[in-house]
């Protein structure tokens, strides 16, 4: 089974990127799981507009290759820092650009929204930031891990969890990195066993699909 590990931080070897590396160590402990790490900054992607809303432009070869890999994967792990309570612009643009992959615009739910097409994909989100964990727990709705969950549930993907840390030196914190290893192994086993949405998603989120 194939999992794409997407590092979206402009700063390599820092918090979210190093957390992802350790998450990958955990995933690689599970037999039958193949992981490919990709840096989003290595993929030139034009900013979203109406003209490119239906797929990659002719000159976006690397973006087209990434789409093909996601289409043929069982899991997608996104690692991101927190920038002003949101994600880096490159990740936001990537999510805007994959609309053609993620949504069926010919079908609509009872709210008039297009129907998601990523039901085959099991996702997980690794988020670093500077806000303490206790504050993020209280204001969870204002942070990327909540927004990313909502977006990919809207796309009808399975959401298997998220891990946030407010430690600004997470890249050298052994306790956090060891947790990433354990969470990576657990996630890979869930992908291998084709698990559905996590408990929080099943209880608190009902994606309005037909």
C-alpha atoms as a PDB file:
ATOM      1  CA  UNK A   1       0.000   0.000   0.000  1.00  0.00           C
ATOM      2  CA  UNK A   2       1.283   3.455  -0.912  1.00  0.00           C
ATOM      3  CA  UNK A   3       1.350   6.542   1.318  1.00  0.00           C
ATOM      4  CA  UNK A   4       2.403  10.020   0.218  1.00  0.00           C
ATOM      5  CA  UNK A   5       4.100  12.088   2.955  1.00  0.00           C
ATOM      6  CA  UNK A   6       3.846  15.749   1.942  1.00  0.00           C
ATOM      7  CA  UNK A   7       6.121  18.229   3.711  1.00  0.00           C
ATOM      8  CA  UNK A   8       4.808  21.752   3.156  1.00  0.00           C
ATOM      9  CA  UNK A   9       7.109  23.866   5.311  1.00  0.00           C
ATOM     10  CA  UNK A  10       9.463  26.293   3.545  1.00  0.00           C
ATOM     11  CA  UNK A  11      11.988  25.466   6.303  1.00  0.00           C
ATOM     12  CA  UNK A  12      13.529  22.037   5.893  1.00  0.00           C
ATOM     13  CA  UNK A  13      14.805  20.075   8.893  1.00  0.00           C
ATOM     14  CA  UNK A  14      12.822  22.222  11.295  1.00  0.00           C
ATOM     15  CA  UNK A  15       9.716  21.367  13.299  1.00  0.00           C
ATOM     16  CA  UNK A  16       6.986  19.949  11.070  1.00  0.00           C
ATOM     17  CA  UNK A  17       9.501  18.538   8.580  1.00  0.00           C
ATOM     18  CA  UNK A  18      11.469  16.686  11.272  1.00  0.00           C
ATOM     19  CA  UNK A  19       8.236  15.479  12.870  1.00  0.00           C
ATOM     20  CA  UNK A  20       7.242  14.069   9.485  1.00  0.00           C
ATOM     21  CA  UNK A  21      10.597  12.300   9.125  1.00  0.00           C
ATOM     22  CA  UNK A  22      10.002  10.521  12.429  1.00  0.00           C
ATOM     23  CA  UNK A  23       6.389   9.774  11.504  1.00  0.00           C
ATOM     24  CA  UNK A  24       7.790   8.099   8.383  1.00  0.00           C
ATOM     25  CA  UNK A  25      10.134   6.000  10.539  1.00  0.00           C
ATOM     26  CA  UNK A  26       7.053   4.690  12.303  1.00  0.00           C
ATOM     27  CA  UNK A  27       5.173   4.034   9.063  1.00  0.00           C
ATOM     28  CA  UNK A  28       8.126   2.112   7.667  1.00  0.00           C
ATOM     29  CA  UNK A  29       7.857  -0.345  10.575  1.00  0.00           C
ATOM     30  CA  UNK A  30       4.644  -1.715   9.074  1.00  0.00           C
ATOM     31  CA  UNK A  31       5.098  -4.456   6.506  1.00  0.00           C
ATOM     32  CA  UNK A  32       3.456  -3.863   3.157  1.00  0.00           C
ATOM     33  CA  UNK A  33       3.554  -0.075   3.448  1.00  0.00           C
ATOM     34  CA  UNK A  34       5.523   2.010   0.931  1.00  0.00           C
ATOM     35  CA  UNK A  35       6.102   5.672   1.816  1.00  0.00           C
ATOM     36  CA  UNK A  36       7.240   8.433  -0.517  1.00  0.00           C
ATOM     37  CA  UNK A  37       8.186  11.794   0.966  1.00  0.00           C
ATOM     38  CA  UNK A  38       7.639  14.829  -1.236  1.00  0.00           C
ATOM     39  CA  UNK A  39       8.508  18.475  -0.592  1.00  0.00           C
ATOM     40  CA  UNK A  40       5.700  20.675  -1.845  1.00  0.00           C
ATOM     41  CA  UNK A  41       8.155  23.493  -2.582  1.00  0.00           C
ATOM     42  CA  UNK A  42       9.750  21.221  -5.208  1.00  0.00           C
ATOM     43  CA  UNK A  43       6.466  21.183  -7.154  1.00  0.00           C
ATOM     44  CA  UNK A  44       5.887  24.378  -9.175  1.00  0.00           C
ATOM     45  CA  UNK A  45       2.151  25.112  -9.036  1.00  0.00           C
ATOM     46  CA  UNK A  46       0.473  28.182 -10.500  1.00  0.00           C
ATOM     47  CA  UNK A  47      -1.912  30.086  -8.284  1.00  0.00           C
ATOM     48  CA  UNK A  48      -5.510  28.958  -8.560  1.00  0.00           C
ATOM     49  CA  UNK A  49      -7.779  30.705 -11.071  1.00  0.00           C
ATOM     50  CA  UNK A  50     -10.745  29.787 -13.240  1.00  0.00           C
ATOM     51  CA  UNK A  51      -8.565  28.813 -16.198  1.00  0.00           C
ATOM     52  CA  UNK A  52      -6.570  26.189 -14.260  1.00  0.00           C
ATOM     53  CA  UNK A  53      -9.458  24.937 -12.097  1.00  0.00           C
ATOM     54  CA  UNK A  54      -9.948  21.753 -14.128  1.00  0.00           C
ATOM     55  CA  UNK A  55      -6.434  20.342 -13.884  1.00  0.00           C
ATOM     56  CA  UNK A  56      -2.700  20.995 -14.262  1.00  0.00           C
ATOM     57  CA  UNK A  57      -1.597  23.302 -17.058  1.00  0.00           C
ATOM     58  CA  UNK A  58       0.621  21.898 -19.812  1.00  0.00           C
ATOM     59  CA  UNK A  59       3.772  23.275 -18.176  1.00  0.00           C
ATOM     60  CA  UNK A  60       2.929  21.835 -14.723  1.00  0.00           C
ATOM     61  CA  UNK A  61       4.511  18.424 -15.268  1.00  0.00           C
ATOM     62  CA  UNK A  62       5.572  17.897 -11.641  1.00  0.00           C
ATOM     63  CA  UNK A  63       2.139  18.891 -10.378  1.00  0.00           C
ATOM     64  CA  UNK A  64       0.569  16.406 -12.795  1.00  0.00           C
ATOM     65  CA  UNK A  65       2.921  13.686 -11.527  1.00  0.00           C
ATOM     66  CA  UNK A  66       1.984  14.484  -7.909  1.00  0.00           C
ATOM     67  CA  UNK A  67      -1.719  14.247  -8.751  1.00  0.00           C
ATOM     68  CA  UNK A  68      -1.111  10.840 -10.325  1.00  0.00           C
ATOM     69  CA  UNK A  69       0.678   9.650  -7.215  1.00  0.00           C
ATOM     70  CA  UNK A  70      -2.161  10.803  -4.960  1.00  0.00           C
ATOM     71  CA  UNK A  71      -4.702   9.114  -7.221  1.00  0.00           C
ATOM     72  CA  UNK A  72      -2.803   5.847  -6.843  1.00  0.00           C
ATOM     73  CA  UNK A  73      -2.141   6.105  -3.106  1.00  0.00           C
ATOM     74  CA  UNK A  74      -3.964   4.731  -0.101  1.00  0.00           C
ATOM     75  CA  UNK A  75      -2.844   7.416   2.344  1.00  0.00           C
ATOM     76  CA  UNK A  76      -1.782  11.047   2.475  1.00  0.00           C
ATOM     77  CA  UNK A  77       0.098  12.613   5.394  1.00  0.00           C
ATOM     78  CA  UNK A  78       0.439  16.406   5.364  1.00  0.00           C
ATOM     79  CA  UNK A  79       2.972  18.105   7.633  1.00  0.00           C
ATOM     80  CA  UNK A  80       2.698  21.869   8.028  1.00  0.00           C
ATOM     81  CA  UNK A  81       3.744  24.729  10.290  1.00  0.00           C
ATOM     82  CA  UNK A  82       1.164  27.197  11.594  1.00  0.00           C
ATOM     83  CA  UNK A  83       1.372  30.626   9.968  1.00  0.00           C
ATOM     84  CA  UNK A  84      -0.952  33.227  11.499  1.00  0.00           C
ATOM     85  CA  UNK A  85      -3.437  30.549  12.592  1.00  0.00           C
ATOM     86  CA  UNK A  86      -3.371  29.023   9.108  1.00  0.00           C
ATOM     87  CA  UNK A  87      -1.082  27.131   6.733  1.00  0.00           C
ATOM     88  CA  UNK A  88       1.675  28.376   4.390  1.00  0.00           C
ATOM     89  CA  UNK A  89       0.410  29.917   1.157  1.00  0.00           C
ATOM     90  CA  UNK A  90       1.882  27.083  -0.911  1.00  0.00           C
ATOM     91  CA  UNK A  91      -0.236  24.483   0.911  1.00  0.00           C
ATOM     92  CA  UNK A  92      -3.408  26.592   0.697  1.00  0.00           C
ATOM     93  CA  UNK A  93      -2.858  26.994  -3.040  1.00  0.00           C
ATOM     94  CA  UNK A  94      -2.260  23.243  -3.443  1.00  0.00           C
ATOM     95  CA  UNK A  95      -5.570  22.487  -1.718  1.00  0.00           C
ATOM     96  CA  UNK A  96      -7.347  25.039  -3.925  1.00  0.00           C
ATOM     97  CA  UNK A  97      -5.780  23.552  -7.057  1.00  0.00           C
ATOM     98  CA  UNK A  98      -6.806  19.937  -6.340  1.00  0.00           C
ATOM     99  CA  UNK A  99     -10.493  20.821  -6.547  1.00  0.00           C
ATOM    100  CA  UNK A 100     -10.770  18.913  -9.837  1.00  0.00           C
ATOM    101  CA  UNK A 101      -9.338  15.807  -8.146  1.00  0.00           C
ATOM    102  CA  UNK A 102     -11.240  16.107  -4.886  1.00  0.00           C
ATOM    103  CA  UNK A 103     -14.751  17.185  -5.910  1.00  0.00           C
ATOM    104  CA  UNK A 104     -17.329  15.937  -8.404  1.00  0.00           C
ATOM    105  CA  UNK A 105     -18.827  19.164  -9.680  1.00  0.00           C
ATOM    106  CA  UNK A 106     -21.569  17.306 -11.581  1.00  0.00           C
ATOM    107  CA  UNK A 107     -23.146  16.009  -8.361  1.00  0.00           C
ATOM    108  CA  UNK A 108     -24.444  17.965  -5.377  1.00  0.00           C
ATOM    109  CA  UNK A 109     -25.531  17.224  -1.838  1.00  0.00           C
ATOM    110  CA  UNK A 110     -28.644  18.597  -0.135  1.00  0.00           C
ATOM    111  CA  UNK A 111     -26.818  21.861   0.588  1.00  0.00           C
ATOM    112  CA  UNK A 112     -25.945  22.346  -3.068  1.00  0.00           C
ATOM    113  CA  UNK A 113     -22.273  21.556  -2.501  1.00  0.00           C
ATOM    114  CA  UNK A 114     -20.279  19.295  -4.844  1.00  0.00           C
ATOM    115  CA  UNK A 115     -19.680  15.723  -3.692  1.00  0.00           C
ATOM    116  CA  UNK A 116     -16.232  14.593  -2.557  1.00  0.00           C
ATOM    117  CA  UNK A 117     -14.242  12.030  -4.564  1.00  0.00           C
ATOM    118  CA  UNK A 118     -11.407  11.073  -2.178  1.00  0.00           C
ATOM    119  CA  UNK A 119     -13.141   8.282  -0.270  1.00  0.00           C
ATOM    120  CA  UNK A 120     -10.218   5.963  -1.102  1.00  0.00           C
ATOM    121  CA  UNK A 121      -7.698   8.217   0.678  1.00  0.00           C
ATOM    122  CA  UNK A 122      -6.835   7.977   4.387  1.00  0.00           C
ATOM    123  CA  UNK A 123      -5.311  11.177   5.722  1.00  0.00           C
ATOM    124  CA  UNK A 124      -3.351  12.378   8.740  1.00  0.00           C
ATOM    125  CA  UNK A 125      -2.092  15.865   9.648  1.00  0.00           C
ATOM    126  CA  UNK A 126       1.077  16.872  11.500  1.00  0.00           C
ATOM    127  CA  UNK A 127       1.050  20.483  12.646  1.00  0.00           C
ATOM    128  CA  UNK A 128       3.689  22.531  14.449  1.00  0.00           C
ATOM    129  CA  UNK A 129       3.186  25.996  15.899  1.00  0.00           C
ATOM    130  CA  UNK A 130       4.145  28.453  18.588  1.00  0.00           C
ATOM    131  CA  UNK A 131       0.918  28.402  20.598  1.00  0.00           C
ATOM    132  CA  UNK A 132       0.999  26.192  23.730  1.00  0.00           C
ATOM    133  CA  UNK A 133      -0.811  22.868  23.434  1.00  0.00           C
ATOM    134  CA  UNK A 134      -3.349  23.794  26.118  1.00  0.00           C
ATOM    135  CA  UNK A 135      -4.354  26.946  24.213  1.00  0.00           C
ATOM    136  CA  UNK A 136      -4.617  25.053  20.927  1.00  0.00           C
ATOM    137  CA  UNK A 137      -6.853  22.484  22.659  1.00  0.00           C
ATOM    138  CA  UNK A 138      -9.233  25.240  23.791  1.00  0.00           C
ATOM    139  CA  UNK A 139      -9.136  27.182  20.508  1.00  0.00           C
ATOM    140  CA  UNK A 140      -8.851  24.115  18.270  1.00  0.00           C
ATOM    141  CA  UNK A 141     -11.210  25.591  15.672  1.00  0.00           C
ATOM    142  CA  UNK A 142      -8.709  28.394  14.954  1.00  0.00           C
ATOM    143  CA  UNK A 143      -5.794  26.132  14.006  1.00  0.00           C
ATOM    144  CA  UNK A 144      -4.738  24.252  10.852  1.00  0.00           C
ATOM    145  CA  UNK A 145      -5.388  20.748  12.219  1.00  0.00           C
ATOM    146  CA  UNK A 146      -9.116  21.559  12.529  1.00  0.00           C
ATOM    147  CA  UNK A 147      -9.319  23.283   9.145  1.00  0.00           C
ATOM    148  CA  UNK A 148      -7.444  20.495   7.369  1.00  0.00           C
ATOM    149  CA  UNK A 149      -9.766  17.910   8.894  1.00  0.00           C
ATOM    150  CA  UNK A 150     -12.778  19.838   7.643  1.00  0.00           C
ATOM    151  CA  UNK A 151     -11.396  20.290   4.131  1.00  0.00           C
ATOM    152  CA  UNK A 152     -10.554  16.631   3.596  1.00  0.00           C
ATOM    153  CA  UNK A 153     -13.798  15.435   5.133  1.00  0.00           C
ATOM    154  CA  UNK A 154     -15.513  17.756   2.638  1.00  0.00           C
ATOM    155  CA  UNK A 155     -13.467  15.974  -0.036  1.00  0.00           C
ATOM    156  CA  UNK A 156     -14.882  12.704   1.416  1.00  0.00           C
ATOM    157  CA  UNK A 157     -11.436  11.439   2.445  1.00  0.00           C
ATOM    158  CA  UNK A 158     -11.035   9.393   5.614  1.00  0.00           C
ATOM    159  CA  UNK A 159      -9.430  11.417   8.426  1.00  0.00           C
ATOM    160  CA  UNK A 160      -7.484   9.190  10.813  1.00  0.00           C
ATOM    161  CA  UNK A 161      -6.146  11.883  13.116  1.00  0.00           C
ATOM    162  CA  UNK A 162      -3.874  14.862  13.657  1.00  0.00           C
ATOM    163  CA  UNK A 163      -0.954  15.719  15.928  1.00  0.00           C
ATOM    164  CA  UNK A 164      -0.164  19.269  17.033  1.00  0.00           C
ATOM    165  CA  UNK A 165       2.723  20.599  19.079  1.00  0.00           C
ATOM    166  CA  UNK A 166       3.374  24.155  20.199  1.00  0.00           C
ATOM    167  CA  UNK A 167       7.018  23.445  21.025  1.00  0.00           C
ATOM    168  CA  UNK A 168       9.077  25.835  18.892  1.00  0.00           C
ATOM    169  CA  UNK A 169      12.016  23.437  19.113  1.00  0.00           C
ATOM    170  CA  UNK A 170      10.105  20.258  18.328  1.00  0.00           C
ATOM    171  CA  UNK A 171      12.792  19.284  15.832  1.00  0.00           C
ATOM    172  CA  UNK A 172      15.146  18.499  18.729  1.00  0.00           C
ATOM    173  CA  UNK A 173      12.609  17.279  21.314  1.00  0.00           C
ATOM    174  CA  UNK A 174      13.033  13.514  21.640  1.00  0.00           C
ATOM    175  CA  UNK A 175       9.725  13.057  23.460  1.00  0.00           C
ATOM    176  CA  UNK A 176       7.763  14.664  20.615  1.00  0.00           C
ATOM    177  CA  UNK A 177       9.726  12.852  17.922  1.00  0.00           C
ATOM    178  CA  UNK A 178       9.231   9.499  19.660  1.00  0.00           C
ATOM    179  CA  UNK A 179       5.496  10.225  19.733  1.00  0.00           C
ATOM    180  CA  UNK A 180       5.642  10.866  16.001  1.00  0.00           C
ATOM    181  CA  UNK A 181       7.246   7.464  15.447  1.00  0.00           C
ATOM    182  CA  UNK A 182       4.506   5.726  17.439  1.00  0.00           C
ATOM    183  CA  UNK A 183       1.735   7.690  15.749  1.00  0.00           C
ATOM    184  CA  UNK A 184       3.219   6.941  12.340  1.00  0.00           C
ATOM    185  CA  UNK A 185       3.229   3.215  13.022  1.00  0.00           C
ATOM    186  CA  UNK A 186      -0.345   3.354  14.299  1.00  0.00           C
ATOM    187  CA  UNK A 187      -1.504   5.344  11.272  1.00  0.00           C
ATOM    188  CA  UNK A 188       0.164   2.949   8.821  1.00  0.00           C
ATOM    189  CA  UNK A 189      -1.558   0.011  10.498  1.00  0.00           C
ATOM    190  CA  UNK A 190      -4.882   1.823  10.204  1.00  0.00           C
ATOM    191  CA  UNK A 191      -4.269   2.418   6.500  1.00  0.00           C
ATOM    192  CA  UNK A 192      -3.277  -1.215   6.033  1.00  0.00           C
ATOM    193  CA  UNK A 193      -6.467  -2.349   7.787  1.00  0.00           C
ATOM    194  CA  UNK A 194      -8.586   0.161   5.812  1.00  0.00           C
ATOM    195  CA  UNK A 195      -9.948   1.911   8.872  1.00  0.00           C
ATOM    196  CA  UNK A 196     -12.588   4.630   8.551  1.00  0.00           C
ATOM    197  CA  UNK A 197     -12.770   8.074  10.127  1.00  0.00           C
ATOM    198  CA  UNK A 198     -11.423   8.521  13.643  1.00  0.00           C
ATOM    199  CA  UNK A 199     -13.734   8.773  16.654  1.00  0.00           C
ATOM    200  CA  UNK A 200     -13.821  12.589  16.697  1.00  0.00           C
ATOM    201  CA  UNK A 201     -14.774  12.740  13.034  1.00  0.00           C
ATOM    202  CA  UNK A 202     -17.511  10.134  13.474  1.00  0.00           C
ATOM    203  CA  UNK A 203     -18.996  11.906  16.499  1.00  0.00           C
ATOM    204  CA  UNK A 204     -18.632  15.602  15.714  1.00  0.00           C
ATOM    205  CA  UNK A 205     -18.573  15.790  11.929  1.00  0.00           C
ATOM    206  CA  UNK A 206     -21.228  14.572   9.582  1.00  0.00           C
ATOM    207  CA  UNK A 207     -20.115  15.401   6.073  1.00  0.00           C
ATOM    208  CA  UNK A 208     -23.374  16.345   4.229  1.00  0.00           C
ATOM    209  CA  UNK A 209     -23.013  13.837   1.408  1.00  0.00           C
ATOM    210  CA  UNK A 210     -26.059  12.420  -0.374  1.00  0.00           C
END
